[in-house]
Amino acid sequence: MNTLLQQLKKRRLDLGLKQNDMMLRVGVSRQQYQRLESKGNPRLDTLELIAKGLNSELMLIPKEKLGAVLAVLEGKAADEWEADSEGPGSGQRSSSKSVSKKSLSDDPWQDLLGDDS
């Protein structure tokens, strides 16, 4: 997984923005933004401001849910992720399980806090 700073740079480039553009979007000079992308250690409020300027959100993801979140972001179906996480030969178990459970694409936040409701 890329570092947060690499992710910020990739997002900026994906939006077609230059470092200079960040001054207008978040009030950070090109030099400040360049320093942040290259080796910065930004404060949380600075990260929130930059995320907002990049039309993004900062989020903490529990480690046990990281695979599910990555699967959603990669466009995998929930049953594919469950089969991957349970190991080889477990495809039949996960397909019967996915019938009674909404897919992550329908409800990506299901079981996020660990409750089974």
Protein backbone atom coordinates (compact mmCIF):
# COMPACT_ATOMS: atom_id res chain seq x y z
CA MET A 1 0.00 0.00 0.00
CA ASN A 2 1.28 3.45 -0.87
CA THR A 3 2.20 5.90 1.82
CA LEU A 4 -0.30 8.64 2.51
CA LEU A 5 1.93 11.23 0.84
CA GLN A 6 2.15 9.09 -2.31
CA GLN A 7 -1.62 8.73 -2.29
CA LEU A 8 -2.05 12.51 -2.04
CA LYS A 9 0.27 13.04 -4.98
CA LYS A 10 -1.49 10.37 -7.06
CA ARG A 11 -4.90 11.89 -6.28
CA ARG A 12 -3.67 15.37 -7.25
CA LEU A 13 -2.28 14.04 -10.53
CA ASP A 14 -5.45 12.04 -11.22
CA LEU A 15 -7.41 15.29 -10.88
CA GLY A 16 -5.03 16.96 -13.32
CA LEU A 17 -3.82 19.48 -10.74
CA LYS A 18 -0.37 20.97 -10.38
CA GLN A 19 1.25 21.71 -7.04
CA ASN A 20 0.69 25.39 -7.83
CA ASP A 21 -3.07 24.76 -8.05
CA MET A 22 -3.16 23.73 -4.40
CA MET A 23 -2.69 27.34 -3.32
CA LEU A 24 -6.07 28.25 -4.77
CA ARG A 25 -7.76 25.10 -3.51
CA VAL A 26 -6.46 24.96 0.07
CA GLY A 27 -4.35 28.07 0.65
CA VAL A 28 -1.01 26.26 0.69
CA SER A 29 1.83 27.71 -1.37
CA ARG A 30 3.49 25.56 -4.04
CA GLN A 31 6.68 25.37 -1.96
CA GLN A 32 4.78 24.25 1.15
CA TYR A 33 2.80 21.69 -0.81
CA GLN A 34 5.89 20.40 -2.62
CA ARG A 35 7.66 19.94 0.73
CA LEU A 36 4.63 18.13 2.13
CA GLU A 37 4.40 15.71 -0.81
CA SER A 38 8.11 14.96 -0.83
CA LYS A 39 8.92 14.47 2.84
CA GLY A 40 6.29 16.15 4.91
CA ASN A 41 4.87 15.30 8.25
CA PRO A 42 1.64 17.29 8.08
CA ARG A 43 -0.61 18.05 10.99
CA LEU A 44 -4.04 16.43 10.98
CA ASP A 45 -5.84 19.69 10.23
CA THR A 46 -3.51 20.24 7.24
CA LEU A 47 -4.27 16.73 5.96
CA GLU A 48 -8.01 17.35 6.33
CA LEU A 49 -7.68 20.62 4.42
CA ILE A 50 -5.69 18.98 1.61
CA ALA A 51 -8.11 16.05 1.42
CA LYS A 52 -10.98 18.51 1.05
CA GLY A 53 -9.08 20.33 -1.71
CA LEU A 54 -8.61 16.99 -3.50
CA ASN A 55 -12.33 16.10 -3.17
CA SER A 56 -11.38 13.26 -0.82
CA GLU A 57 -11.96 12.13 2.74
CA LEU A 58 -9.55 10.88 5.38
CA MET A 59 -10.70 7.69 7.04
CA LEU A 60 -9.41 5.23 9.62
CA ILE A 61 -10.06 1.66 8.55
CA PRO A 62 -9.79 -1.19 11.06
CA LYS A 63 -7.13 -3.65 9.90
CA GLU A 64 -9.59 -6.52 9.90
CA LYS A 65 -11.80 -4.58 7.44
CA LEU A 66 -8.98 -3.38 5.17
CA GLY A 67 -9.34 -6.30 2.75
CA ALA A 68 -13.06 -5.64 2.35
CA VAL A 69 -12.50 -1.93 1.74
CA LEU A 70 -9.77 -2.64 -0.81
CA ALA A 71 -12.05 -5.17 -2.53
CA VAL A 72 -14.77 -2.54 -2.86
CA LEU A 73 -12.30 0.00 -4.20
CA GLU A 74 -10.98 -2.54 -6.72
CA GLY A 75 -14.52 -3.39 -7.79
CA LYS A 76 -14.49 -6.96 -6.49
CA ALA A 77 -17.75 -8.45 -5.33
CA ALA A 78 -18.12 -9.33 -1.67
CA ASP A 79 -18.21 -13.06 -2.34
CA GLU A 80 -14.91 -12.83 -4.24
CA TRP A 81 -13.30 -11.10 -1.27
CA GLU A 82 -14.72 -13.63 1.17
CA ALA A 83 -13.40 -16.48 -0.99
CA ASP A 84 -9.97 -14.83 -1.15
CA SER A 85 -9.88 -14.23 2.60
CA GLU A 86 -11.00 -17.76 3.51
CA GLY A 87 -8.42 -19.42 1.28
CA PRO A 88 -8.53 -21.85 -1.63
CA GLY A 89 -11.38 -24.31 -1.90
CA SER A 90 -13.74 -22.18 0.13
CA GLY A 91 -15.70 -20.67 -2.76
CA GLN A 92 -18.84 -22.75 -2.11
CA ARG A 93 -19.01 -21.76 1.53
CA SER A 94 -18.69 -18.07 0.71
CA SER A 95 -21.29 -18.17 -2.08
CA SER A 96 -23.94 -19.61 0.26
CA LYS A 97 -22.93 -17.05 2.86
CA SER A 98 -23.29 -14.17 0.37
CA VAL A 99 -26.90 -15.11 -0.39
CA SER A 100 -28.03 -14.13 3.10
CA LYS A 101 -25.71 -11.13 3.37
CA LYS A 102 -25.77 -7.90 1.36
CA SER A 103 -22.77 -7.43 -0.90
CA LEU A 104 -20.18 -4.85 0.08
CA SER A 105 -21.01 -2.84 -3.02
CA ASP A 106 -24.59 -2.53 -1.75
CA ASP A 107 -23.54 -1.72 1.82
CA PRO A 108 -19.77 -1.07 2.17
CA TRP A 109 -20.14 -0.15 5.84
CA GLN A 110 -21.76 -3.40 6.97
CA ASP A 111 -20.18 -4.85 10.09
CA LEU A 112 -17.72 -1.96 10.19
CA LEU A 113 -17.89 -1.71 13.96
CA GLY A 114 -17.92 -5.46 14.44
CA ASP A 115 -21.59 -5.80 15.30
CA ASP A 116 -23.50 -8.59 13.56
CA SER A 117 -26.74 -6.65 13.03
